[in-house]
Amino acid sequence: MNLSDSKKKLAIAGVICGLVAACLAYFGNPANMAFCIACFIRDTAGALGMHQAEVVQYARPEIIGLVLGAFIISAATKEYRSTAGSSPMIRFILGMVIMIGSLVFLGCPLRMVIRMSAGDLNAWVALIGFILGVGTGVFALKNGFSLGRAHITNKTSGVVLPALMLGVLVLSTATTLLKASEAGPGSLHAPIIMSLIGGLIFGAVAQKSRMCFAGGIRDVMLMKNFDLLTVIGGLFVVMLIFNIATGKFVLGFNTPGIIAHSEHLWNILGMYAVGFAAVLAGGCPLRQLILAGQGSSDSAVTVLGMFAGAAACHNFGLAASGTAMNAETQEIVAGAVPLNGKVAVIICIAVCFLIAFTNKREKA
């Protein structure tokens, strides 16, 4: 069951995840989004009433499936470990930073790669910031950064987040308590069963392959190890073929309908914050969900921080807007990052530096 012991297996894992994302995009998910951790957590937070942005409210089965898929496969292969105790409140803050940076850029690292495969040059610009952010995190690691060791804890502790996700699934399918968008990105989604199965498959494969976008770049910088980039490469190639085959590949910047903006500095700084915080937290948004599924309460706290960050973004006007076409005038309206979002990103980066250089191994 180990998919991380050879580059061939890792490439196959990436292809499987790419096929899942392509199928979900083909059957209803926003094509340029397909499978975005930040966007889907934001939508789920909206469905739970954590924010009131009506166009981004939908309990995404993919997020639920990711956690449950990681939980099921780790339990089946005896890799489930209930751990906790490694600076949980700092991890909560890092989760918020990851989400704020993502929603200023308009996507997590996974969506950045998917946008790159669709010809969105804004995502290629943002990649610069992401690499620099990961590099800053690696510098902190080399200089003794640590949030301390996690310890084995009660087995039921690690089951809390998977159980909560299962509860959200029940509420979304068996009741009308949760909110659901009637327009906008939140209204675009694949059938529930397909989304859930896709999430389960993606979660299981990501758990066995150790898929992590920040981790892939970190390993290259720290150990000259390119293994994890093989997974991402497989996913990128599949999505590139899908986008070209379906006519979704559009090379350019201000492209209506992509849900992106061309404020390059803030694309760079947004993903810089994400890359920096992801290394400090021990994984990208996808990896945090997978680790939470396999028993890490520390990662579960990071995930809760991401939910809080999503709520803050839409409650306080931090999230960017995407380039769109005015339905009446047919004019292209450029997407933009609001002043609140710009200030928040600068604060987030400052917080990352504070965390990075005040938490040392000897103190931990």
Protein backbone atom coordinates (compact mmCIF):
# COMPACT_ATOMS: atom_id res chain seq x y z
CA MET A 1 0.00 0.00 0.00
CA ASN A 2 3.02 2.32 0.21
CA LEU A 3 2.96 4.80 -2.69
CA SER A 4 5.95 6.86 -1.55
CA ASP A 5 8.78 4.35 -2.00
CA SER A 6 9.36 4.99 -5.71
CA LYS A 7 8.94 7.87 -8.14
CA LYS A 8 6.87 5.67 -10.46
CA LYS A 9 4.30 5.02 -7.73
CA LEU A 10 4.30 8.69 -6.77
CA ALA A 11 3.67 9.70 -10.38
CA ILE A 12 0.77 7.21 -10.57
CA ALA A 13 -0.62 8.68 -7.34
CA GLY A 14 -0.50 12.14 -8.91
CA VAL A 15 -2.26 10.87 -12.03
CA ILE A 16 -5.05 9.32 -9.91
CA CYS A 17 -5.55 12.58 -8.02
CA GLY A 18 -5.50 14.49 -11.30
CA LEU A 19 -8.17 12.20 -12.76
CA VAL A 20 -10.34 12.76 -9.68
CA ALA A 21 -10.01 16.54 -10.03
CA ALA A 22 -10.69 16.41 -13.78
CA CYS A 23 -13.82 14.26 -13.31
CA LEU A 24 -15.18 16.61 -10.65
CA ALA A 25 -14.55 19.62 -12.90
CA TYR A 26 -16.23 17.88 -15.85
CA PHE A 27 -19.32 16.95 -13.83
CA GLY A 28 -20.00 20.30 -12.21
CA ASN A 29 -17.25 21.78 -10.04
CA PRO A 30 -15.92 25.15 -11.26
CA ALA A 31 -13.51 24.11 -14.02
CA ASN A 32 -10.62 26.30 -12.92
CA MET A 33 -11.15 25.25 -9.32
CA ALA A 34 -11.87 21.51 -9.66
CA PHE A 35 -10.46 20.66 -6.23
CA CYS A 36 -9.36 23.55 -4.02
CA ILE A 37 -8.87 23.06 -0.28
CA ALA A 38 -9.09 26.75 0.63
CA CYS A 39 -12.12 27.43 -1.56
CA PHE A 40 -13.94 24.32 -0.35
CA ILE A 41 -13.26 25.06 3.32
CA ARG A 42 -14.53 28.60 2.69
CA ASP A 43 -17.71 27.22 1.08
CA THR A 44 -18.24 24.75 3.92
CA ALA A 45 -17.70 27.49 6.52
CA GLY A 46 -20.40 29.48 4.72
CA ALA A 47 -22.77 26.53 4.75
CA LEU A 48 -22.30 26.31 8.53
CA GLY A 49 -23.18 30.00 8.88
CA MET A 50 -19.66 31.14 9.81
CA HIS A 51 -19.90 33.88 7.16
CA GLN A 52 -22.75 35.41 5.18
CA ALA A 53 -21.32 35.63 1.64
CA GLU A 54 -24.25 34.00 -0.18
CA VAL A 55 -22.33 33.04 -3.34
CA VAL A 56 -19.82 30.84 -1.48
CA GLN A 57 -21.93 28.62 0.77
CA TYR A 58 -21.98 24.85 0.20
CA ALA A 59 -20.87 21.93 2.37
CA ARG A 60 -18.29 20.44 0.03
CA PRO A 61 -18.30 16.60 0.22
CA GLU A 62 -14.73 16.62 -1.10
CA ILE A 63 -13.39 18.11 2.17
CA ILE A 64 -15.33 15.56 4.19
CA GLY A 65 -14.11 12.77 1.91
CA LEU A 66 -10.47 13.83 2.23
CA VAL A 67 -10.51 13.51 6.02
CA LEU A 68 -12.55 10.29 6.05
CA GLY A 69 -10.47 8.77 3.25
CA ALA A 70 -7.25 9.44 5.16
CA PHE A 71 -8.82 8.08 8.33
CA ILE A 72 -10.08 4.87 6.73
CA ILE A 73 -6.87 4.05 4.84
CA SER A 74 -4.61 4.86 7.81
CA ALA A 75 -6.73 2.68 10.10
CA ALA A 76 -6.77 -0.15 7.56
CA THR A 77 -2.99 -0.07 7.12
CA LYS A 78 -2.27 0.46 10.83
CA GLU A 79 -0.83 3.95 10.33
CA TYR A 80 -3.45 5.69 12.45
CA ARG A 81 -1.80 7.44 15.41
CA SER A 82 -3.69 9.69 17.80
CA THR A 83 -1.22 12.46 18.67
CA ALA A 84 -1.46 15.96 20.16
CA GLY A 85 0.35 18.60 22.19
CA SER A 86 2.62 20.42 19.74
CA SER A 87 1.79 24.14 20.21
CA PRO A 88 -1.91 23.89 19.27
CA MET A 89 -2.75 27.60 19.57
CA ILE A 90 0.17 28.61 17.35
CA ARG A 91 -1.03 26.05 14.83
CA PHE A 92 -4.52 27.59 14.98
CA ILE A 93 -3.01 30.97 14.08
CA LEU A 94 -0.97 29.42 11.26
CA GLY A 95 -4.18 27.88 9.91
CA MET A 96 -5.76 31.34 9.81
CA VAL A 97 -2.68 32.75 8.06
CA ILE A 98 -2.80 29.98 5.44
CA MET A 99 -6.46 30.73 4.70
CA ILE A 100 -6.08 34.52 4.57
CA GLY A 101 -3.11 34.25 2.19
CA SER A 102 -5.01 31.74 0.04
CA LEU A 103 -8.14 33.89 -0.28
CA VAL A 104 -6.08 36.97 -1.16
CA PHE A 105 -4.53 34.91 -3.97
CA LEU A 106 -7.87 33.11 -4.57
CA GLY A 107 -6.78 29.52 -4.09
CA CYS A 108 -4.62 27.10 -2.11
CA PRO A 109 -1.39 25.56 -3.48
CA LEU A 110 -3.46 22.75 -5.04
CA ARG A 111 -5.62 25.23 -6.92
CA MET A 112 -2.51 27.23 -7.85
CA VAL A 113 -1.22 24.17 -9.73
CA ILE A 114 -4.65 23.55 -11.29
CA ARG A 115 -4.80 27.19 -12.41
CA MET A 116 -1.29 26.88 -13.83
CA SER A 117 -2.46 23.87 -15.87
CA ALA A 118 -5.29 26.00 -17.29
CA GLY A 119 -2.93 28.70 -18.59
CA ASP A 120 -3.58 31.25 -15.84
CA LEU A 121 -0.36 33.29 -15.76
CA ASN A 122 -1.38 34.84 -12.43
CA ALA A 123 -0.83 31.42 -10.82
CA TRP A 124 2.67 31.20 -12.32
CA VAL A 125 3.42 34.61 -10.80
CA ALA A 126 2.07 33.43 -7.43
CA LEU A 127 4.34 30.36 -7.61
CA ILE A 128 7.28 32.75 -7.13
CA GLY A 129 5.83 33.90 -3.81
CA PHE A 130 5.02 30.34 -2.73
CA ILE A 131 8.59 29.15 -3.38
CA LEU A 132 10.03 32.18 -1.54
CA GLY A 133 7.66 31.54 1.39
CA VAL A 134 8.67 27.88 1.61
CA GLY A 135 12.31 28.99 1.37
CA THR A 136 11.85 31.35 4.31
CA GLY A 137 10.30 28.53 6.31
CA VAL A 138 13.23 26.27 5.43
CA PHE A 139 15.63 29.00 6.62
CA ALA A 140 13.76 29.06 9.94
CA LEU A 141 14.00 25.25 10.20
CA LYS A 142 17.75 25.39 9.60
CA ASN A 143 18.00 27.99 12.36
CA GLY A 144 16.33 25.79 14.95
CA PHE A 145 12.59 26.45 14.53
CA SER A 146 10.33 23.91 16.24
CA LEU A 147 6.82 23.80 17.65
CA GLY A 148 7.79 20.89 19.91
CA ARG A 149 7.00 17.21 19.80
CA ALA A 150 3.53 15.77 19.53
CA HIS A 151 2.75 12.95 21.96
CA ILE A 152 0.60 9.85 21.76
CA THR A 153 -2.77 10.57 23.30
CA ASN A 154 -6.16 8.89 23.78
CA LYS A 155 -7.20 7.16 20.54
CA THR A 156 -10.57 8.89 20.52
CA SER A 157 -8.90 12.31 20.42
CA GLY A 158 -7.77 11.77 16.86
CA VAL A 159 -11.25 10.68 15.78
CA VAL A 160 -12.90 13.99 16.73
CA LEU A 161 -12.35 15.81 13.41
CA PRO A 162 -13.37 12.83 11.22
CA ALA A 163 -16.50 12.50 13.40
CA LEU A 164 -17.27 16.20 13.00
CA MET A 165 -16.87 15.89 9.23
CA LEU A 166 -19.22 12.91 9.20
CA GLY A 167 -21.72 15.02 11.17
CA VAL A 168 -21.50 17.80 8.57
CA LEU A 169 -22.17 15.23 5.84
CA VAL A 170 -25.28 14.00 7.64
CA LEU A 171 -26.54 17.55 8.19
CA SER A 172 -25.98 18.48 4.56
CA THR A 173 -27.71 15.42 3.11
CA ALA A 174 -30.45 14.64 5.63
CA THR A 175 -31.54 18.11 6.79
CA THR A 176 -32.06 21.64 5.46
CA LEU A 177 -30.14 23.28 8.32
CA LEU A 178 -27.07 24.17 6.24
CA LYS A 179 -26.96 27.00 3.74
CA ALA A 180 -26.40 26.48 0.01
CA SER A 181 -25.65 29.08 -2.66
CA GLU A 182 -28.13 29.59 -5.46
CA ALA A 183 -25.64 31.54 -7.59
CA GLY A 184 -21.89 31.99 -7.85
CA PRO A 185 -19.10 29.44 -7.23
CA GLY A 186 -20.97 27.85 -4.32
CA SER A 187 -23.78 26.80 -6.64
CA LEU A 188 -21.42 24.95 -8.99
CA HIS A 189 -20.68 21.43 -7.86
CA ALA A 190 -20.55 17.83 -9.01
CA PRO A 191 -23.19 15.35 -7.72
CA ILE A 192 -22.84 14.72 -3.97
CA ILE A 193 -22.05 11.00 -4.26
CA MET A 194 -19.41 11.62 -6.92
CA SER A 195 -17.85 14.44 -4.86
CA LEU A 196 -17.74 12.29 -1.74
CA ILE A 197 -16.22 9.30 -3.55
CA GLY A 198 -13.73 11.61 -5.24
CA GLY A 199 -12.75 13.04 -1.87
CA LEU A 200 -12.36 9.55 -0.37
CA ILE A 201 -10.10 8.42 -3.21
CA PHE A 202 -8.07 11.63 -3.18
CA GLY A 203 -7.70 11.45 0.61
CA ALA A 204 -6.57 7.82 0.58
CA VAL A 205 -4.04 8.37 -2.22
CA ALA A 206 -2.73 11.58 -0.65
CA GLN A 207 -2.26 9.78 2.67
CA LYS A 208 -0.32 6.89 1.14
CA SER A 209 1.83 9.14 -1.07
CA ARG A 210 2.48 11.87 1.58
CA MET A 211 1.30 14.41 -1.00
CA CYS A 212 2.18 17.95 0.10
CA PHE A 213 2.78 21.00 -2.08
CA ALA A 214 4.88 22.86 0.49
CA GLY A 215 6.65 19.64 1.48
CA GLY A 216 7.69 18.93 -2.10
CA ILE A 217 9.56 22.23 -2.42
CA ARG A 218 10.86 22.01 1.17
CA ASP A 219 12.40 18.59 0.50
CA VAL A 220 14.19 19.91 -2.58
CA MET A 221 15.66 22.79 -0.59
CA LEU A 222 16.59 20.74 2.48
CA MET A 223 17.63 17.40 1.01
CA LYS A 224 17.73 17.79 -2.80
CA ASN A 225 14.89 15.24 -2.81
CA PHE A 226 12.45 15.64 -5.72
CA ASP A 227 10.17 12.69 -4.86
CA LEU A 228 7.13 14.65 -3.66
CA LEU A 229 7.29 16.92 -6.71
CA THR A 230 6.66 13.79 -8.80
CA VAL A 231 3.14 13.52 -7.34
CA ILE A 232 2.41 17.15 -8.15
CA GLY A 233 3.85 16.69 -11.64
CA GLY A 234 1.49 13.79 -12.32
CA LEU A 235 -1.52 15.83 -11.23
CA PHE A 236 -0.39 18.83 -13.32
CA VAL A 237 0.01 16.77 -16.51
CA VAL A 238 -3.46 15.20 -16.19
CA MET A 239 -5.11 18.58 -15.57
CA LEU A 240 -3.17 20.16 -18.45
CA ILE A 241 -4.42 17.45 -20.83
CA PHE A 242 -7.97 17.83 -19.47
CA ASN A 243 -7.97 21.62 -19.89
CA ILE A 244 -6.62 21.45 -23.44
CA ALA A 245 -9.04 18.66 -24.44
CA THR A 246 -12.09 20.50 -23.07
CA GLY A 247 -11.11 23.95 -24.35
CA LYS A 248 -10.55 25.27 -20.83
CA PHE A 249 -6.90 26.18 -21.46
CA VAL A 250 -6.66 29.96 -21.84
CA LEU A 251 -3.19 31.48 -21.67
CA GLY A 252 -3.29 34.99 -20.18
CA PHE A 253 -3.84 37.24 -17.20
CA ASN A 254 -7.17 39.14 -16.97
CA THR A 255 -9.40 36.28 -18.13
CA PRO A 256 -13.09 36.49 -17.12
CA GLY A 257 -14.47 33.40 -15.41
CA ILE A 258 -11.15 32.10 -14.06
CA ILE A 259 -11.82 33.51 -10.55
CA ALA A 260 -8.43 35.20 -10.39
CA HIS A 261 -6.96 38.70 -10.31
CA SER A 262 -3.83 40.26 -11.76
CA GLU A 263 -2.54 42.30 -8.83
CA HIS A 264 0.81 40.56 -9.07
CA LEU A 265 2.38 41.86 -5.86
CA TRP A 266 -0.53 40.54 -3.80
CA ASN A 267 -0.61 37.21 -5.64
CA ILE A 268 3.06 36.86 -4.68
CA LEU A 269 2.65 38.05 -1.09
CA GLY A 270 -0.53 36.02 -0.55
CA MET A 271 1.18 32.78 -1.57
CA TYR A 272 4.37 33.81 0.24
CA ALA A 273 2.34 33.84 3.47
CA VAL A 274 0.82 30.45 2.59
CA GLY A 275 4.18 28.83 1.82
CA PHE A 276 5.85 30.28 4.92
CA ALA A 277 3.01 29.27 7.27
CA ALA A 278 2.66 25.81 5.68
CA VAL A 279 6.31 24.94 6.40
CA LEU A 280 5.99 26.20 9.99
CA ALA A 281 2.79 24.16 10.47
CA GLY A 282 4.29 21.04 8.88
CA GLY A 283 2.23 20.85 5.71
CA CYS A 284 0.05 22.60 3.11
CA PRO A 285 -3.75 22.83 3.53
CA LEU A 286 -4.24 19.43 1.85
CA ARG A 287 -1.60 17.81 4.06
CA GLN A 288 -3.19 19.27 7.21
CA LEU A 289 -6.52 17.61 6.36
CA ILE A 290 -4.78 14.30 5.67
CA LEU A 291 -2.77 14.40 8.91
CA ALA A 292 -5.93 15.28 10.83
CA GLY A 293 -7.63 12.27 9.28
CA GLN A 294 -4.85 9.93 10.38
CA GLY A 295 -5.07 11.08 14.00
CA SER A 296 -3.14 14.34 14.47
CA SER A 297 -5.09 16.66 16.76
CA ASP A 298 -2.47 19.34 16.07
CA SER A 299 -3.36 19.28 12.38
CA ALA A 300 -7.05 19.22 13.32
CA VAL A 301 -6.51 22.47 15.23
CA THR A 302 -4.79 23.91 12.13
CA VAL A 303 -7.84 22.91 10.07
CA LEU A 304 -10.13 24.67 12.56
CA GLY A 305 -7.86 27.70 12.18
CA MET A 306 -8.44 27.56 8.42
CA PHE A 307 -12.20 27.55 8.98
CA ALA A 308 -11.84 30.57 11.27
CA GLY A 309 -9.63 32.28 8.69
CA ALA A 310 -12.23 31.69 5.96
CA ALA A 311 -14.92 33.23 8.16
CA ALA A 312 -12.70 36.23 8.94
CA CYS A 313 -11.96 36.79 5.25
CA HIS A 314 -15.62 37.18 4.32
CA ASN A 315 -16.82 38.79 7.53
CA PHE A 316 -14.16 41.51 7.43
CA GLY A 317 -13.72 42.00 3.69
CA LEU A 318 -10.26 40.46 3.28
CA ALA A 319 -10.85 38.15 0.29
CA ALA A 320 -9.94 39.27 -3.21
CA SER A 321 -12.40 39.48 -6.10
CA GLY A 322 -11.86 37.79 -9.45
CA THR A 323 -11.85 39.36 -12.90
CA ALA A 324 -15.36 39.17 -14.35
CA MET A 325 -17.48 40.45 -17.21
CA ASN A 326 -20.27 42.94 -16.47
CA ALA A 327 -23.48 41.25 -17.64
CA GLU A 328 -25.07 44.57 -18.71
CA THR A 329 -22.17 46.45 -20.31
CA GLN A 330 -20.12 43.40 -21.39
CA GLU A 331 -17.05 45.19 -20.04
CA ILE A 332 -14.31 43.30 -18.22
CA VAL A 333 -14.04 44.33 -14.58
CA ALA A 334 -10.59 43.57 -13.21
CA GLY A 335 -10.37 41.61 -9.96
CA ALA A 336 -8.71 43.28 -7.01
CA VAL A 337 -7.47 42.82 -3.45
CA PRO A 338 -9.25 45.13 -0.96
CA LEU A 339 -7.20 47.33 1.38
CA ASN A 340 -8.28 45.19 4.34
CA GLY A 341 -6.88 42.12 2.60
CA LYS A 342 -3.56 43.81 1.86
CA VAL A 343 -3.16 44.90 5.48
CA ALA A 344 -4.10 41.41 6.67
CA VAL A 345 -1.47 39.75 4.47
CA ILE A 346 1.28 42.04 5.78
CA ILE A 347 0.20 41.26 9.35
CA CYS A 348 0.14 37.53 8.55
CA ILE A 349 3.69 37.63 7.19
CA ALA A 350 4.87 39.55 10.27
CA VAL A 351 3.19 36.96 12.51
CA CYS A 352 4.96 34.14 10.63
CA PHE A 353 8.34 35.79 11.22
CA LEU A 354 7.49 36.23 14.89
CA ILE A 355 6.52 32.56 15.22
CA ALA A 356 9.48 31.34 13.15
CA PHE A 357 12.17 33.04 15.18
CA THR A 358 10.74 32.84 18.70
CA ASN A 359 10.06 29.09 18.76
CA LYS A 360 13.36 27.23 19.01
CA ARG A 361 14.09 23.54 19.54
CA GLU A 362 15.87 24.12 22.83
CA LYS A 363 12.84 26.02 24.17
CA ALA A 364 10.41 23.42 22.83
